[in-house]
Amino acid sequence: AIAEQIQNQGYLYYLIKENNKAIGYYSIIPQDDELFLSKLY
């Protein structure tokens, strides 16, 4: 699902890392005049 969102739906996913360890993530997608924050964990 994540691969599909990135490759075909315009989502940008980011890993949040501290000391080179993944501690969270978020996903955004541009929509007209706004940026939709799809996920933040």
Full PDB file with SEQRES, HELIX, SHEET, SSBOND, CRYST1, ORIGX, SCALE, CONECT and MASTER records, all heavy atoms in Angstrom:
SEQRES   1 A   41  ALA ILE ALA GLU GLN ILE GLN ASN GLN GLY TYR LEU TYR          
SEQRES   2 A   41  TYR LEU ILE LYS GLU ASN ASN LYS ALA ILE GLY TYR TYR          
SEQRES   3 A   41  SER ILE ILE PRO GLN ASP ASP GLU LEU PHE LEU SER LYS          
SEQRES   4 A   41  LEU TYR                                                      
HELIX    1 AA1 ILE A    2  ASN A    8  1                                   7    
SHEET    1 AA1 3 LEU A  12  GLU A  18  0                                        
SHEET    2 AA1 3 LYS A  21  GLN A  31 -1                                        
SHEET    3 AA1 3 GLU A  34  LEU A  40 -1                                        
CRYST1    1.000    1.000    1.000  90.00  90.00  90.00 P 1           1          
ORIGX1      1.000000  0.000000  0.000000        0.00000                         
ORIGX2      0.000000  1.000000  0.000000        0.00000                         
ORIGX3      0.000000  0.000000  1.000000        0.00000                         
SCALE1      1.000000  0.000000  0.000000        0.00000                         
SCALE2      0.000000  1.000000  0.000000        0.00000                         
SCALE3      0.000000  0.000000  1.000000        0.00000                         
ATOM      1  N   ALA A   1       0.831  -1.206   0.000  1.00  0.00           N  
ATOM      2  CA  ALA A   1       0.000   0.000   0.000  1.00  0.00           C  
ATOM      3  C   ALA A   1       0.866   1.257   0.000  1.00  0.00           C  
ATOM      4  O   ALA A   1       0.595   2.215  -0.741  1.00  0.00           O  
ATOM      5  CB  ALA A   1      -0.943  -0.001   1.204  1.00  0.00           C  
ATOM      6  N   ILE A   2       1.906   1.263   0.816  1.00  0.00           N  
ATOM      7  CA  ILE A   2       2.795   2.425   0.872  1.00  0.00           C  
ATOM      8  C   ILE A   2       3.507   2.614  -0.464  1.00  0.00           C  
ATOM      9  O   ILE A   2       3.591   3.736  -0.984  1.00  0.00           O  
ATOM     10  CB  ILE A   2       3.795   2.295   2.038  1.00  0.00           C  
ATOM     11  CG1 ILE A   2       3.046   2.376   3.377  1.00  0.00           C  
ATOM     12  CG2 ILE A   2       4.890   3.364   1.955  1.00  0.00           C  
ATOM     13  CD1 ILE A   2       3.883   2.003   4.594  1.00  0.00           C  
ATOM     14  N   ALA A   3       4.003   1.531  -1.034  1.00  0.00           N  
ATOM     15  CA  ALA A   3       4.678   1.617  -2.337  1.00  0.00           C  
ATOM     16  C   ALA A   3       3.722   2.170  -3.395  1.00  0.00           C  
ATOM     17  O   ALA A   3       4.106   3.031  -4.203  1.00  0.00           O  
ATOM     18  CB  ALA A   3       5.211   0.248  -2.748  1.00  0.00           C  
ATOM     19  N   GLU A   4       2.492   1.693  -3.407  1.00  0.00           N  
ATOM     20  CA  GLU A   4       1.489   2.178  -4.363  1.00  0.00           C  
ATOM     21  C   GLU A   4       1.220   3.677  -4.159  1.00  0.00           C  
ATOM     22  O   GLU A   4       1.131   4.433  -5.128  1.00  0.00           O  
ATOM     23  CB  GLU A   4       0.194   1.368  -4.199  1.00  0.00           C  
ATOM     24  CG  GLU A   4      -1.026   1.946  -4.895  1.00  0.00           C  
ATOM     25  CD  GLU A   4      -0.968   1.957  -6.406  1.00  0.00           C  
ATOM     26  OE1 GLU A   4      -0.167   1.202  -7.005  1.00  0.00           O  
ATOM     27  OE2 GLU A   4      -1.719   2.746  -7.022  1.00  0.00           O  
ATOM     28  N   GLN A   5       1.087   4.089  -2.920  1.00  0.00           N  
ATOM     29  CA  GLN A   5       0.825   5.506  -2.635  1.00  0.00           C  
ATOM     30  C   GLN A   5       1.979   6.386  -3.118  1.00  0.00           C  
ATOM     31  O   GLN A   5       1.753   7.456  -3.689  1.00  0.00           O  
ATOM     32  CB  GLN A   5       0.596   5.709  -1.138  1.00  0.00           C  
ATOM     33  CG  GLN A   5      -0.704   5.116  -0.638  1.00  0.00           C  
ATOM     34  CD  GLN A   5      -0.760   5.048   0.877  1.00  0.00           C  
ATOM     35  OE1 GLN A   5      -0.137   5.829   1.575  1.00  0.00           O  
ATOM     36  NE2 GLN A   5      -1.528   4.088   1.387  1.00  0.00           N  
ATOM     37  N   ILE A   6       3.195   5.934  -2.897  1.00  0.00           N  
ATOM     38  CA  ILE A   6       4.366   6.705  -3.310  1.00  0.00           C  
ATOM     39  C   ILE A   6       4.486   6.724  -4.836  1.00  0.00           C  
ATOM     40  O   ILE A   6       4.689   7.784  -5.440  1.00  0.00           O  
ATOM     41  CB  ILE A   6       5.653   6.133  -2.669  1.00  0.00           C  
ATOM     42  CG1 ILE A   6       5.650   6.386  -1.156  1.00  0.00           C  
ATOM     43  CG2 ILE A   6       6.898   6.734  -3.313  1.00  0.00           C  
ATOM     44  CD1 ILE A   6       6.751   5.643  -0.401  1.00  0.00           C  
ATOM     45  N   GLN A   7       4.369   5.573  -5.458  1.00  0.00           N  
ATOM     46  CA  GLN A   7       4.627   5.454  -6.893  1.00  0.00           C  
ATOM     47  C   GLN A   7       3.505   5.998  -7.773  1.00  0.00           C  
ATOM     48  O   GLN A   7       3.770   6.520  -8.851  1.00  0.00           O  
ATOM     49  CB  GLN A   7       4.899   3.987  -7.245  1.00  0.00           C  
ATOM     50  CG  GLN A   7       6.184   3.480  -6.642  1.00  0.00           C  
ATOM     51  CD  GLN A   7       6.295   1.959  -6.661  1.00  0.00           C  
ATOM     52  OE1 GLN A   7       5.458   1.261  -7.219  1.00  0.00           O  
ATOM     53  NE2 GLN A   7       7.338   1.446  -6.027  1.00  0.00           N  
ATOM     54  N   ASN A   8       2.259   5.897  -7.312  1.00  0.00           N  
ATOM     55  CA  ASN A   8       1.142   6.206  -8.204  1.00  0.00           C  
ATOM     56  C   ASN A   8       0.124   7.217  -7.683  1.00  0.00           C  
ATOM     57  O   ASN A   8      -0.761   7.614  -8.442  1.00  0.00           O  
ATOM     58  CB  ASN A   8       0.401   4.911  -8.573  1.00  0.00           C  
ATOM     59  CG  ASN A   8       1.299   3.932  -9.295  1.00  0.00           C  
ATOM     60  OD1 ASN A   8       2.046   4.319 -10.190  1.00  0.00           O  
ATOM     61  ND2 ASN A   8       1.247   2.680  -8.884  1.00  0.00           N  
ATOM     62  N   GLN A   9       0.220   7.610  -6.418  1.00  0.00           N  
ATOM     63  CA  GLN A   9      -0.820   8.483  -5.869  1.00  0.00           C  
ATOM     64  C   GLN A   9      -0.300   9.831  -5.375  1.00  0.00           C  
ATOM     65  O   GLN A   9      -1.065  10.620  -4.829  1.00  0.00           O  
ATOM     66  CB  GLN A   9      -1.567   7.753  -4.741  1.00  0.00           C  
ATOM     67  CG  GLN A   9      -2.294   6.515  -5.233  1.00  0.00           C  
ATOM     68  CD  GLN A   9      -2.966   5.756  -4.098  1.00  0.00           C  
ATOM     69  OE1 GLN A   9      -3.298   6.316  -3.061  1.00  0.00           O  
ATOM     70  NE2 GLN A   9      -3.160   4.467  -4.296  1.00  0.00           N  
ATOM     71  N   GLY A  10       0.987  10.095  -5.526  1.00  0.00           N  
ATOM     72  CA  GLY A  10       1.532  11.402  -5.170  1.00  0.00           C  
ATOM     73  C   GLY A  10       1.887  11.606  -3.713  1.00  0.00           C  
ATOM     74  O   GLY A  10       2.229  12.715  -3.304  1.00  0.00           O  
ATOM     75  N   TYR A  11       1.823  10.546  -2.904  1.00  0.00           N  
ATOM     76  CA  TYR A  11       2.182  10.663  -1.493  1.00  0.00           C  
ATOM     77  C   TYR A  11       3.696  10.769  -1.336  1.00  0.00           C  
ATOM     78  O   TYR A  11       4.449  10.109  -2.054  1.00  0.00           O  
ATOM     79  CB  TYR A  11       1.714   9.439  -0.700  1.00  0.00           C  
ATOM     80  CG  TYR A  11       0.237   9.405  -0.419  1.00  0.00           C  
ATOM     81  CD1 TYR A  11      -0.671   9.019  -1.408  1.00  0.00           C  
ATOM     82  CD2 TYR A  11      -0.259   9.731   0.835  1.00  0.00           C  
ATOM     83  CE1 TYR A  11      -2.025   8.976  -1.155  1.00  0.00           C  
ATOM     84  CE2 TYR A  11      -1.622   9.683   1.104  1.00  0.00           C  
ATOM     85  CZ  TYR A  11      -2.499   9.307   0.102  1.00  0.00           C  
ATOM     86  OH  TYR A  11      -3.841   9.257   0.356  1.00  0.00           O  
ATOM     87  N   LEU A  12       4.106  11.558  -0.383  1.00  0.00           N  
ATOM     88  CA  LEU A  12       5.503  11.632   0.029  1.00  0.00           C  
ATOM     89  C   LEU A  12       5.563  11.126   1.469  1.00  0.00           C  
ATOM     90  O   LEU A  12       4.903  11.682   2.353  1.00  0.00           O  
ATOM     91  CB  LEU A  12       6.022  13.068  -0.043  1.00  0.00           C  
ATOM     92  CG  LEU A  12       5.928  13.744  -1.405  1.00  0.00           C  
ATOM     93  CD1 LEU A  12       6.271  15.217  -1.290  1.00  0.00           C  
ATOM     94  CD2 LEU A  12       6.832  13.056  -2.411  1.00  0.00           C  
ATOM     95  N   TYR A  13       6.317  10.069   1.688  1.00  0.00           N  
ATOM     96  CA  TYR A  13       6.510   9.509   3.032  1.00  0.00           C  
ATOM     97  C   TYR A  13       7.891   9.905   3.531  1.00  0.00           C  
ATOM     98  O   TYR A  13       8.847   9.947   2.752  1.00  0.00           O  
ATOM     99  CB  TYR A  13       6.431   7.982   2.999  1.00  0.00           C  
ATOM    100  CG  TYR A  13       5.049   7.408   3.143  1.00  0.00           C  
ATOM    101  CD1 TYR A  13       4.176   7.363   2.059  1.00  0.00           C  
ATOM    102  CD2 TYR A  13       4.604   6.897   4.359  1.00  0.00           C  
ATOM    103  CE1 TYR A  13       2.907   6.823   2.179  1.00  0.00           C  
ATOM    104  CE2 TYR A  13       3.337   6.354   4.492  1.00  0.00           C  
ATOM    105  CZ  TYR A  13       2.499   6.316   3.399  1.00  0.00           C  
ATOM    106  OH  TYR A  13       1.238   5.782   3.530  1.00  0.00           O  
ATOM    107  N   TYR A  14       7.971  10.158   4.832  1.00  0.00           N  
ATOM    108  CA  TYR A  14       9.245  10.479   5.463  1.00  0.00           C  
ATOM    109  C   TYR A  14       9.392   9.664   6.739  1.00  0.00           C  
ATOM    110  O   TYR A  14       8.448   9.589   7.547  1.00  0.00           O  
ATOM    111  CB  TYR A  14       9.312  11.962   5.835  1.00  0.00           C  
ATOM    112  CG  TYR A  14       9.452  12.875   4.647  1.00  0.00           C  
ATOM    113  CD1 TYR A  14       8.342  13.227   3.882  1.00  0.00           C  
ATOM    114  CD2 TYR A  14      10.695  13.385   4.283  1.00  0.00           C  
ATOM    115  CE1 TYR A  14       8.473  14.061   2.788  1.00  0.00           C  
ATOM    116  CE2 TYR A  14      10.829  14.218   3.192  1.00  0.00           C  
ATOM    117  CZ  TYR A  14       9.711  14.553   2.446  1.00  0.00           C  
ATOM    118  OH  TYR A  14       9.846  15.385   1.358  1.00  0.00           O  
ATOM    119  N   LEU A  15      10.561   9.093   6.913  1.00  0.00           N  
ATOM    120  CA  LEU A  15      10.904   8.469   8.191  1.00  0.00           C  
ATOM    121  C   LEU A  15      11.466   9.549   9.101  1.00  0.00           C  
ATOM    122  O   LEU A  15      12.232  10.416   8.658  1.00  0.00           O  
ATOM    123  CB  LEU A  15      11.953   7.374   8.005  1.00  0.00           C  
ATOM    124  CG  LEU A  15      11.452   6.053   7.446  1.00  0.00           C  
ATOM    125  CD1 LEU A  15      12.621   5.151   7.082  1.00  0.00           C  
ATOM    126  CD2 LEU A  15      10.532   5.359   8.450  1.00  0.00           C  
ATOM    127  N   ILE A  16      11.088   9.492  10.358  1.00  0.00           N  
ATOM    128  CA  ILE A  16      11.666  10.369  11.375  1.00  0.00           C  
ATOM    129  C   ILE A  16      12.739   9.548  12.063  1.00  0.00           C  
ATOM    130  O   ILE A  16      12.452   8.480  12.617  1.00  0.00           O  
ATOM    131  CB  ILE A  16      10.607  10.830  12.392  1.00  0.00           C  
ATOM    132  CG1 ILE A  16       9.442  11.526  11.679  1.00  0.00           C  
ATOM    133  CG2 ILE A  16      11.245  11.743  13.439  1.00  0.00           C  
ATOM    134  CD1 ILE A  16       8.234  11.777  12.570  1.00  0.00           C  
ATOM    135  N   LYS A  17      13.975  10.025  11.982  1.00  0.00           N  
ATOM    136  CA  LYS A  17      15.089   9.265  12.546  1.00  0.00           C  
ATOM    137  C   LYS A  17      15.834  10.094  13.589  1.00  0.00           C  
ATOM    138  O   LYS A  17      16.011  11.304  13.430  1.00  0.00           O  
ATOM    139  CB  LYS A  17      16.074   8.844  11.454  1.00  0.00           C  
ATOM    140  CG  LYS A  17      15.552   7.753  10.548  1.00  0.00           C  
ATOM    141  CD  LYS A  17      16.649   7.245   9.645  1.00  0.00           C  
ATOM    142  CE  LYS A  17      16.287   5.908   9.047  1.00  0.00           C  
ATOM    143  NZ  LYS A  17      17.418   5.332   8.307  1.00  0.00           N  
ATOM    144  N   GLU A  18      16.264   9.389  14.614  1.00  0.00           N  
ATOM    145  CA  GLU A  18      17.100   9.986  15.647  1.00  0.00           C  
ATOM    146  C   GLU A  18      18.226   8.997  15.934  1.00  0.00           C  
ATOM    147  O   GLU A  18      17.958   7.810  16.149  1.00  0.00           O  
ATOM    148  CB  GLU A  18      16.275  10.268  16.907  1.00  0.00           C  
ATOM    149  CG  GLU A  18      17.005  11.123  17.910  1.00  0.00           C  
ATOM    150  CD  GLU A  18      16.081  11.574  19.026  1.00  0.00           C  
ATOM    151  OE1 GLU A  18      15.513  10.706  19.721  1.00  0.00           O  
ATOM    152  OE2 GLU A  18      15.926  12.787  19.193  1.00  0.00           O  
ATOM    153  N   ASN A  19      19.445   9.486  15.902  1.00  0.00           N  
ATOM    154  CA  ASN A  19      20.612   8.615  16.066  1.00  0.00           C  
ATOM    155  C   ASN A  19      20.554   7.434  15.099  1.00  0.00           C  
ATOM    156  O   ASN A  19      20.818   6.296  15.462  1.00  0.00           O  
ATOM    157  CB  ASN A  19      20.742   8.131  17.511  1.00  0.00           C  
ATOM    158  CG  ASN A  19      20.920   9.272  18.476  1.00  0.00           C  
ATOM    159  OD1 ASN A  19      21.623  10.239  18.181  1.00  0.00           O  
ATOM    160  ND2 ASN A  19      20.281   9.179  19.627  1.00  0.00           N  
ATOM    161  N   ASN A  20      20.143   7.718  13.878  1.00  0.00           N  
ATOM    162  CA  ASN A  20      20.061   6.741  12.790  1.00  0.00           C  
ATOM    163  C   ASN A  20      19.024   5.633  13.032  1.00  0.00           C  
ATOM    164  O   ASN A  20      19.057   4.594  12.378  1.00  0.00           O  
ATOM    165  CB  ASN A  20      21.440   6.140  12.474  1.00  0.00           C  
ATOM    166  CG  ASN A  20      21.556   5.727  11.024  1.00  0.00           C  
ATOM    167  OD1 ASN A  20      20.936   6.331  10.144  1.00  0.00           O  
ATOM    168  ND2 ASN A  20      22.320   4.687  10.757  1.00  0.00           N  
ATOM    169  N   LYS A  21      18.105   5.848  13.977  1.00  0.00           N  
ATOM    170  CA  LYS A  21      17.050   4.870  14.259  1.00  0.00           C  
ATOM    171  C   LYS A  21      15.701   5.473  13.901  1.00  0.00           C  
ATOM    172  O   LYS A  21      15.399   6.618  14.265  1.00  0.00           O  
ATOM    173  CB  LYS A  21      17.067   4.488  15.739  1.00  0.00           C  
ATOM    174  CG  LYS A  21      16.019   3.464  16.083  1.00  0.00           C  
ATOM    175  CD  LYS A  21      16.029   3.102  17.547  1.00  0.00           C  
ATOM    176  CE  LYS A  21      14.943   2.079  17.783  1.00  0.00           C  
ATOM    177  NZ  LYS A  21      14.611   1.891  19.155  1.00  0.00           N  
ATOM    178  N   ALA A  22      14.882   4.705  13.174  1.00  0.00           N  
ATOM    179  CA  ALA A  22      13.537   5.162  12.806  1.00  0.00           C  
ATOM    180  C   ALA A  22      12.653   5.168  14.042  1.00  0.00           C  
ATOM    181  O   ALA A  22      12.483   4.146  14.709  1.00  0.00           O  
ATOM    182  CB  ALA A  22      12.948   4.271  11.731  1.00  0.00           C  
ATOM    183  N   ILE A  23      12.102   6.354  14.368  1.00  0.00           N  
ATOM    184  CA  ILE A  23      11.275   6.510  15.570  1.00  0.00           C  
ATOM    185  C   ILE A  23       9.843   6.932  15.242  1.00  0.00           C  
ATOM    186  O   ILE A  23       9.008   7.040  16.130  1.00  0.00           O  
ATOM    187  CB  ILE A  23      11.907   7.509  16.558  1.00  0.00           C  
ATOM    188  CG1 ILE A  23      12.072   8.887  15.897  1.00  0.00           C  
ATOM    189  CG2 ILE A  23      13.242   6.971  17.073  1.00  0.00           C  
ATOM    190  CD1 ILE A  23      12.487   9.988  16.850  1.00  0.00           C  
ATOM    191  N   GLY A  24       9.582   7.167  13.958  1.00  0.00           N  
ATOM    192  CA  GLY A  24       8.251   7.568  13.535  1.00  0.00           C  
ATOM    193  C   GLY A  24       8.255   7.835  12.042  1.00  0.00           C  
ATOM    194  O   GLY A  24       9.268   7.639  11.365  1.00  0.00           O  
ATOM    195  N   TYR A  25       7.117   8.285  11.561  1.00  0.00           N  
ATOM    196  CA  TYR A  25       7.014   8.594  10.136  1.00  0.00           C  
ATOM    197  C   TYR A  25       5.834   9.531   9.911  1.00  0.00           C  
ATOM    198  O   TYR A  25       4.955   9.679  10.766  1.00  0.00           O  
ATOM    199  CB  TYR A  25       6.856   7.332   9.295  1.00  0.00           C  
ATOM    200  CG  TYR A  25       5.533   6.623   9.446  1.00  0.00           C  
ATOM    201  CD1 TYR A  25       4.536   6.774   8.491  1.00  0.00           C  
ATOM    202  CD2 TYR A  25       5.275   5.804  10.534  1.00  0.00           C  
ATOM    203  CE1 TYR A  25       3.332   6.127   8.615  1.00  0.00           C  
ATOM    204  CE2 TYR A  25       4.072   5.149  10.673  1.00  0.00           C  
ATOM    205  CZ  TYR A  25       3.097   5.318   9.712  1.00  0.00           C  
ATOM    206  OH  TYR A  25       1.890   4.673   9.854  1.00  0.00           O  
ATOM    207  N   TYR A  26       5.853  10.174   8.752  1.00  0.00           N  
ATOM    208  CA  TYR A  26       4.687  10.941   8.336  1.00  0.00           C  
ATOM    209  C   TYR A  26       4.546  10.850   6.823  1.00  0.00           C  
ATOM    210  O   TYR A  26       5.475  10.447   6.122  1.00  0.00           O  
ATOM    211  CB  TYR A  26       4.738  12.397   8.816  1.00  0.00           C  
ATOM    212  CG  TYR A  26       5.819  13.252   8.204  1.00  0.00           C  
ATOM    213  CD1 TYR A  26       5.598  13.931   7.008  1.00  0.00           C  
ATOM    214  CD2 TYR A  26       7.039  13.416   8.831  1.00  0.00           C  
ATOM    215  CE1 TYR A  26       6.578  14.739   6.445  1.00  0.00           C  
ATOM    216  CE2 TYR A  26       8.027  14.211   8.287  1.00  0.00           C  
ATOM    217  CZ  TYR A  26       7.783  14.876   7.097  1.00  0.00           C  
ATOM    218  OH  TYR A  26       8.756  15.664   6.551  1.00  0.00           O  
ATOM    219  N   SER A  27       3.366  11.222   6.358  1.00  0.00           N  
ATOM    220  CA  SER A  27       3.072  11.208   4.937  1.00  0.00           C  
ATOM    221  C   SER A  27       2.285  12.462   4.592  1.00  0.00           C  
ATOM    222  O   SER A  27       1.380  12.855   5.338  1.00  0.00           O  
ATOM    223  CB  SER A  27       2.261   9.965   4.584  1.00  0.00           C  
ATOM    224  OG  SER A  27       1.857  10.008   3.236  1.00  0.00           O  
ATOM    225  N   ILE A  28       2.647  13.076   3.481  1.00  0.00           N  
ATOM    226  CA  ILE A  28       1.954  14.268   2.999  1.00  0.00           C  
ATOM    227  C   ILE A  28       1.587  14.075   1.533  1.00  0.00           C  
ATOM    228  O   ILE A  28       2.218  13.288   0.829  1.00  0.00           O  
ATOM    229  CB  ILE A  28       2.813  15.536   3.171  1.00  0.00           C  
ATOM    230  CG1 ILE A  28       4.197  15.356   2.524  1.00  0.00           C  
ATOM    231  CG2 ILE A  28       2.934  15.917   4.648  1.00  0.00           C  
ATOM    232  CD1 ILE A  28       5.117  16.559   2.591  1.00  0.00           C  
ATOM    233  N   ILE A  29       0.563  14.808   1.107  1.00  0.00           N  
ATOM    234  CA  ILE A  29       0.182  14.782  -0.305  1.00  0.00           C  
ATOM    235  C   ILE A  29      -0.341  16.166  -0.696  1.00  0.00           C  
ATOM    236  O   ILE A  29      -1.210  16.718  -0.022  1.00  0.00           O  
ATOM    237  CB  ILE A  29      -0.860  13.671  -0.610  1.00  0.00           C  
ATOM    238  CG1 ILE A  29      -1.149  13.629  -2.100  1.00  0.00           C  
ATOM    239  CG2 ILE A  29      -2.103  13.817   0.212  1.00  0.00           C  
ATOM    240  CD1 ILE A  29      -1.908  12.405  -2.563  1.00  0.00           C  
ATOM    241  N   PRO A  30       0.222  16.732  -1.749  1.00  0.00           N  
ATOM    242  CA  PRO A  30      -0.274  18.021  -2.234  1.00  0.00           C  
ATOM    243  C   PRO A  30      -1.692  17.889  -2.786  1.00  0.00           C  
ATOM    244  O   PRO A  30      -2.006  16.914  -3.481  1.00  0.00           O  
ATOM    245  CB  PRO A  30       0.704  18.370  -3.369  1.00  0.00           C  
ATOM    246  CG  PRO A  30       1.914  17.537  -3.118  1.00  0.00           C  
ATOM    247  CD  PRO A  30       1.408  16.280  -2.480  1.00  0.00           C  
ATOM    248  N   GLN A  31      -2.531  18.868  -2.458  1.00  0.00           N  
ATOM    249  CA  GLN A  31      -3.916  18.899  -2.962  1.00  0.00           C  
ATOM    250  C   GLN A  31      -4.281  20.355  -3.242  1.00  0.00           C  
ATOM    251  O   GLN A  31      -4.613  21.094  -2.322  1.00  0.00           O  
ATOM    252  CB  GLN A  31      -4.885  18.314  -1.932  1.00  0.00           C  
ATOM    253  CG  GLN A  31      -4.662  16.855  -1.631  1.00  0.00           C  
ATOM    254  CD  GLN A  31      -5.642  16.306  -0.612  1.00  0.00           C  
ATOM    255  OE1 GLN A  31      -6.177  17.027   0.217  1.00  0.00           O  
ATOM    256  NE2 GLN A  31      -5.856  15.006  -0.651  1.00  0.00           N  
ATOM    257  N   ASP A  32      -4.228  20.752  -4.486  1.00  0.00           N  
ATOM    258  CA  ASP A  32      -4.559  22.118  -4.907  1.00  0.00           C  
ATOM    259  C   ASP A  32      -3.745  23.144  -4.113  1.00  0.00           C  
ATOM    260  O   ASP A  32      -2.546  23.158  -4.192  1.00  0.00           O  
ATOM    261  CB  ASP A  32      -6.068  22.369  -4.807  1.00  0.00           C  
ATOM    262  CG  ASP A  32      -6.874  21.416  -5.690  1.00  0.00           C  
ATOM    263  OD1 ASP A  32      -6.411  21.131  -6.820  1.00  0.00           O  
ATOM    264  OD2 ASP A  32      -7.941  20.951  -5.257  1.00  0.00           O  
ATOM    265  N   ASP A  33      -4.436  23.972  -3.290  1.00  0.00           N  
ATOM    266  CA  ASP A  33      -3.746  25.025  -2.545  1.00  0.00           C  
ATOM    267  C   ASP A  33      -3.348  24.592  -1.134  1.00  0.00           C  
ATOM    268  O   ASP A  33      -2.895  25.403  -0.338  1.00  0.00           O  
ATOM    269  CB  ASP A  33      -4.617  26.286  -2.474  1.00  0.00           C  
ATOM    270  CG  ASP A  33      -5.893  26.081  -1.665  1.00  0.00           C  
ATOM    271  OD1 ASP A  33      -6.293  24.909  -1.451  1.00  0.00           O  
ATOM    272  OD2 ASP A  33      -6.496  27.084  -1.245  1.00  0.00           O  
ATOM    273  N   GLU A  34      -3.519  23.317  -0.832  1.00  0.00           N  
ATOM    274  CA  GLU A  34      -3.202  22.856   0.514  1.00  0.00           C  
ATOM    275  C   GLU A  34      -2.308  21.619   0.470  1.00  0.00           C  
ATOM    276  O   GLU A  34      -2.235  20.907  -0.529  1.00  0.00           O  
ATOM    277  CB  GLU A  34      -4.467  22.549   1.307  1.00  0.00           C  
ATOM    278  CG  GLU A  34      -5.253  21.359   0.794  1.00  0.00           C  
ATOM    279  CD  GLU A  34      -6.581  21.182   1.511  1.00  0.00           C  
ATOM    280  OE1 GLU A  34      -7.395  22.129   1.517  1.00  0.00           O  
ATOM    281  OE2 GLU A  34      -6.796  20.084   2.067  1.00  0.00           O  
ATOM    282  N   LEU A  35      -1.653  21.401   1.581  1.00  0.00           N  
ATOM    283  CA  LEU A  35      -0.852  20.198   1.768  1.00  0.00           C  
ATOM    284  C   LEU A  35      -1.583  19.353   2.802  1.00  0.00           C  
ATOM    285  O   LEU A  35      -1.854  19.831   3.912  1.00  0.00           O  
ATOM    286  CB  LEU A  35       0.551  20.567   2.259  1.00  0.00           C  
ATOM    287  CG  LEU A  35       1.553  19.429   2.318  1.00  0.00           C  
ATOM    288  CD1 LEU A  35       1.855  18.895   0.923  1.00  0.00           C  
ATOM    289  CD2 LEU A  35       2.847  19.909   2.972  1.00  0.00           C  
ATOM    290  N   PHE A  36      -1.944  18.130   2.423  1.00  0.00           N  
ATOM    291  CA  PHE A  36      -2.669  17.244   3.330  1.00  0.00           C  
ATOM    292  C   PHE A  36      -1.673  16.389   4.089  1.00  0.00           C  
ATOM    293  O   PHE A  36      -0.863  15.680   3.491  1.00  0.00           O  
ATOM    294  CB  PHE A  36      -3.649  16.364   2.553  1.00  0.00           C  
ATOM    295  CG  PHE A  36      -4.471  15.460   3.426  1.00  0.00           C  
ATOM    296  CD1 PHE A  36      -5.419  15.981   4.287  1.00  0.00           C  
ATOM    297  CD2 PHE A  36      -4.278  14.094   3.399  1.00  0.00           C  
ATOM    298  CE1 PHE A  36      -6.174  15.148   5.109  1.00  0.00           C  
ATOM    299  CE2 PHE A  36      -5.027  13.250   4.213  1.00  0.00           C  
ATOM    300  CZ  PHE A  36      -5.977  13.779   5.069  1.00  0.00           C  
ATOM    301  N   LEU A  37      -1.717  16.483   5.406  1.00  0.00           N  
ATOM    302  CA  LEU A  37      -0.892  15.655   6.286  1.00  0.00           C  
ATOM    303  C   LEU A  37      -1.684  14.381   6.538  1.00  0.00           C  
ATOM    304  O   LEU A  37      -2.604  14.347   7.348  1.00  0.00           O  
ATOM    305  CB  LEU A  37      -0.581  16.400   7.586  1.00  0.00           C  
ATOM    306  CG  LEU A  37       0.164  15.638   8.678  1.00  0.00           C  
ATOM    307  CD1 LEU A  37       1.468  15.050   8.171  1.00  0.00           C  
ATOM    308  CD2 LEU A  37       0.398  16.546   9.879  1.00  0.00           C  
ATOM    309  N   SER A  38      -1.341  13.343   5.800  1.00  0.00           N  
ATOM    310  CA  SER A  38      -2.100  12.105   5.819  1.00  0.00           C  
ATOM    311  C   SER A  38      -1.816  11.274   7.068  1.00  0.00           C  
ATOM    312  O   SER A  38      -2.706  10.631   7.611  1.00  0.00           O  
ATOM    313  CB  SER A  38      -1.778  11.298   4.563  1.00  0.00           C  
ATOM    314  OG  SER A  38      -2.413  10.050   4.582  1.00  0.00           O  
ATOM    315  N   LYS A  39      -0.553  11.273   7.489  1.00  0.00           N  
ATOM    316  CA  LYS A  39      -0.153  10.447   8.620  1.00  0.00           C  
ATOM    317  C   LYS A  39       0.978  11.136   9.368  1.00  0.00           C  
ATOM    318  O   LYS A  39       1.850  11.731   8.747  1.00  0.00           O  
ATOM    319  CB  LYS A  39       0.347   9.074   8.144  1.00  0.00           C  
ATOM    320  CG  LYS A  39      -0.705   8.262   7.411  1.00  0.00           C  
ATOM    321  CD  LYS A  39      -0.087   7.316   6.404  1.00  0.00           C  
ATOM    322  CE  LYS A  39      -1.128   6.651   5.551  1.00  0.00           C  
ATOM    323  NZ  LYS A  39      -1.700   7.512   4.529  1.00  0.00           N  
ATOM    324  N   LEU A  40       0.948  11.041  10.690  1.00  0.00           N  
ATOM    325  CA  LEU A  40       2.063  11.481  11.527  1.00  0.00           C  
ATOM    326  C   LEU A  40       2.037  10.628  12.780  1.00  0.00           C  
ATOM    327  O   LEU A  40       1.116  10.726  13.593  1.00  0.00           O  
ATOM    328  CB  LEU A  40       1.947  12.964  11.893  1.00  0.00           C  
ATOM    329  CG  LEU A  40       2.961  13.501  12.912  1.00  0.00           C  
ATOM    330  CD1 LEU A  40       4.400  13.242  12.475  1.00  0.00           C  
ATOM    331  CD2 LEU A  40       2.734  14.977  13.170  1.00  0.00           C  
ATOM    332  N   TYR A  41       3.024   9.751  12.889  1.00  0.00           N  
ATOM    333  CA  TYR A  41       3.063   8.807  13.996  1.00  0.00           C  
ATOM    334  C   TYR A  41       4.458   8.740  14.589  1.00  0.00           C  
ATOM    335  O   TYR A  41       5.452   8.693  13.862  1.00  0.00           O  
ATOM    336  CB  TYR A  41       2.638   7.401  13.523  1.00  0.00           C  
ATOM    337  CG  TYR A  41       1.247   7.399  12.956  1.00  0.00           C  
ATOM    338  CD1 TYR A  41       1.024   7.321  11.592  1.00  0.00           C  
ATOM    339  CD2 TYR A  41       0.149   7.511  13.800  1.00  0.00           C  
ATOM    340  CE1 TYR A  41      -0.258   7.346  11.067  1.00  0.00           C  
ATOM    341  CE2 TYR A  41      -1.136   7.543  13.283  1.00  0.00           C  
ATOM    342  CZ  TYR A  41      -1.333   7.455  11.928  1.00  0.00           C  
ATOM    343  OH  TYR A  41      -2.605   7.497  11.423  1.00  0.00           O  
TER     344      TYR A  41                                                      
MASTER        0    0    0    1    3    0    0    6  343    1    0    4          
END                                                                             
